[in-house]
Amino acid sequence: MKLEYTPDLSQLDVVKTIDDIHEEYLFGGHPQIYLPDFKDYKADIWAHFLDYFDIKYGEVIDQDGGEYDSQPKSLSVDGKMNIGYTFFNIEIEGYEMIPDLYLDIEGYVVREDGSCYLYPTKIEWDDNLFIKL
């Protein structure tokens, strides 16, 4: 599955260094993400995607958390980064349990009103892992 977005960077305060991404975003508690076509607000990636999975696949019965990779895999001069996020043990009604679901995320960390959030340009995951019982 792939979700793609095109942010207007001229309207955004993009974080452009790896140190600032770590300090202001990754180590700031529950990092927020913005998914424009799903919900028009910023929320924890874990909560946003559990809601998304509820809508796309059915009721999420259980889920054991998740985490970002400790380091972005790449960072361009304009601040676009590539990072992964893994969900652990997702159970959805009518599907086999998925032990680890890896999201490959590309996007920008953006400052707004004293906090930061991730504005993705692309999010991909293996939809074939969602196997109906």
Protein backbone atom coordinates (compact mmCIF):
# COMPACT_ATOMS: atom_id res chain seq x y z
CA MET A 1 0.00 0.00 0.00
CA LYS A 2 1.27 3.47 -0.75
CA LEU A 3 0.03 6.89 0.40
CA GLU A 4 1.51 9.97 -1.29
CA TYR A 5 1.27 13.68 -0.44
CA THR A 6 2.68 16.92 -1.86
CA PRO A 7 3.31 19.56 0.82
CA ASP A 8 3.70 23.25 -0.04
CA LEU A 9 7.19 23.73 1.39
CA SER A 10 7.03 27.50 0.94
CA GLN A 11 4.46 27.58 3.76
CA LEU A 12 6.37 25.25 6.12
CA ASP A 13 9.30 25.69 8.53
CA VAL A 14 11.27 22.52 7.67
CA VAL A 15 13.82 21.10 10.13
CA LYS A 16 16.95 20.46 8.07
CA THR A 17 19.60 18.94 10.35
CA ILE A 18 19.78 15.46 11.81
CA ASP A 19 20.58 16.85 15.27
CA ASP A 20 17.46 19.04 15.25
CA ILE A 21 15.30 16.16 13.94
CA HIS A 22 16.48 14.02 16.85
CA GLU A 23 16.16 16.73 19.49
CA GLU A 24 12.91 18.33 18.35
CA TYR A 25 11.06 15.39 16.81
CA LEU A 26 12.27 11.83 17.46
CA PHE A 27 13.10 12.32 21.15
CA GLY A 28 10.14 14.55 21.90
CA GLY A 29 7.78 11.98 23.39
CA HIS A 30 5.12 10.73 20.98
CA PRO A 31 6.12 12.13 17.57
CA GLN A 32 3.20 13.57 15.64
CA ILE A 33 2.41 12.95 11.96
CA TYR A 34 0.03 14.76 9.61
CA LEU A 35 -2.03 12.64 7.20
CA PRO A 36 -3.92 15.13 4.98
CA ASP A 37 -6.30 12.66 3.32
CA PHE A 38 -7.16 10.76 6.46
CA LYS A 39 -7.65 13.18 9.35
CA ASP A 40 -7.02 16.89 9.12
CA TYR A 41 -4.99 17.18 12.30
CA LYS A 42 -1.64 16.08 13.67
CA ALA A 43 -1.57 13.01 15.94
CA ASP A 44 0.78 10.32 17.15
CA ILE A 45 1.68 8.02 14.23
CA TRP A 46 0.60 5.00 16.28
CA ALA A 47 -2.89 6.40 16.96
CA HIS A 48 -3.37 7.73 13.41
CA PHE A 49 -2.56 4.39 11.81
CA LEU A 50 -4.64 2.33 14.23
CA ASP A 51 -7.60 4.52 13.20
CA TYR A 52 -6.60 4.12 9.54
CA PHE A 53 -6.38 0.31 9.88
CA ASP A 54 -9.81 0.28 11.57
CA ILE A 55 -11.28 2.01 8.51
CA LYS A 56 -9.32 0.11 5.83
CA TYR A 57 -9.26 -3.43 7.24
CA GLY A 58 -11.64 -3.67 10.20
CA GLU A 59 -11.53 -3.43 13.98
CA VAL A 60 -8.05 -3.45 15.52
CA ILE A 61 -8.42 -5.87 18.45
CA ASP A 62 -4.92 -5.54 19.89
CA GLN A 63 -1.61 -3.88 19.14
CA ASP A 64 1.61 -3.81 21.14
CA GLY A 65 3.00 -0.41 20.20
CA GLY A 66 5.59 0.68 17.71
CA GLU A 67 8.72 2.68 17.20
CA TYR A 68 10.63 4.75 14.68
CA ASP A 69 14.05 3.64 13.50
CA SER A 70 16.62 5.33 15.72
CA GLN A 71 18.21 7.05 12.69
CA PRO A 72 16.72 8.37 9.46
CA LYS A 73 18.08 6.35 6.53
CA SER A 74 18.74 9.51 4.54
CA LEU A 75 18.43 13.27 4.80
CA SER A 76 18.59 15.64 1.83
CA VAL A 77 19.77 19.25 1.84
CA ASP A 78 16.16 20.52 1.81
CA GLY A 79 15.32 18.38 4.88
CA LYS A 80 13.50 15.48 3.23
CA MET A 81 14.24 12.32 5.17
CA ASN A 82 13.52 8.64 4.86
CA ILE A 83 12.79 6.75 8.07
CA GLY A 84 11.02 3.57 9.11
CA TYR A 85 8.35 2.87 11.68
CA THR A 86 7.49 -0.62 12.93
CA PHE A 87 4.18 -1.67 14.50
CA PHE A 88 4.36 -4.73 16.77
CA ASN A 89 1.74 -7.51 16.94
CA ILE A 90 -1.26 -6.01 15.19
CA GLU A 91 -4.44 -8.07 15.57
CA ILE A 92 -7.36 -7.11 13.36
CA GLU A 93 -10.70 -8.90 13.47
CA GLY A 94 -10.91 -11.43 10.63
CA TYR A 95 -7.15 -11.32 9.82
CA GLU A 96 -4.09 -13.25 10.88
CA MET A 97 -1.92 -11.45 13.45
CA ILE A 98 0.91 -9.40 11.93
CA PRO A 99 3.98 -9.68 14.22
CA ASP A 100 5.84 -6.70 12.70
CA LEU A 101 4.45 -4.25 10.15
CA TYR A 102 7.12 -1.92 8.77
CA LEU A 103 6.20 1.47 7.31
CA ASP A 104 8.74 3.11 4.99
CA ILE A 105 8.20 6.85 5.37
CA GLU A 106 9.61 9.74 3.35
CA GLY A 107 8.86 13.32 4.33
CA TYR A 108 9.73 16.50 6.20
CA VAL A 109 9.86 17.30 9.90
CA VAL A 110 8.11 20.66 10.29
CA ARG A 111 8.08 23.17 13.14
CA GLU A 112 4.78 24.77 14.07
CA ASP A 113 3.76 26.66 17.21
CA GLY A 114 6.71 25.43 19.29
CA SER A 115 6.42 21.75 18.37
CA CYS A 116 7.26 19.51 15.42
CA TYR A 117 5.41 17.02 13.28
CA LEU A 118 6.19 14.83 10.27
CA TYR A 119 4.61 15.84 6.97
CA PRO A 120 5.04 12.73 4.81
CA THR A 121 5.47 12.74 1.05
CA LYS A 122 5.23 8.95 0.82
CA ILE A 123 4.32 6.09 3.18
CA GLU A 124 4.54 2.48 2.04
CA TRP A 125 3.84 -0.88 3.67
CA ASP A 126 3.32 -4.46 2.54
CA ASP A 127 -0.43 -4.84 2.13
CA ASN A 128 0.11 -8.58 1.49
CA LEU A 129 0.74 -9.06 5.24
CA PHE A 130 -2.98 -8.48 5.88
CA ILE A 131 -4.19 -12.06 5.37
CA LYS A 132 -7.87 -12.83 5.92
CA LEU A 133 -8.73 -15.83 8.07
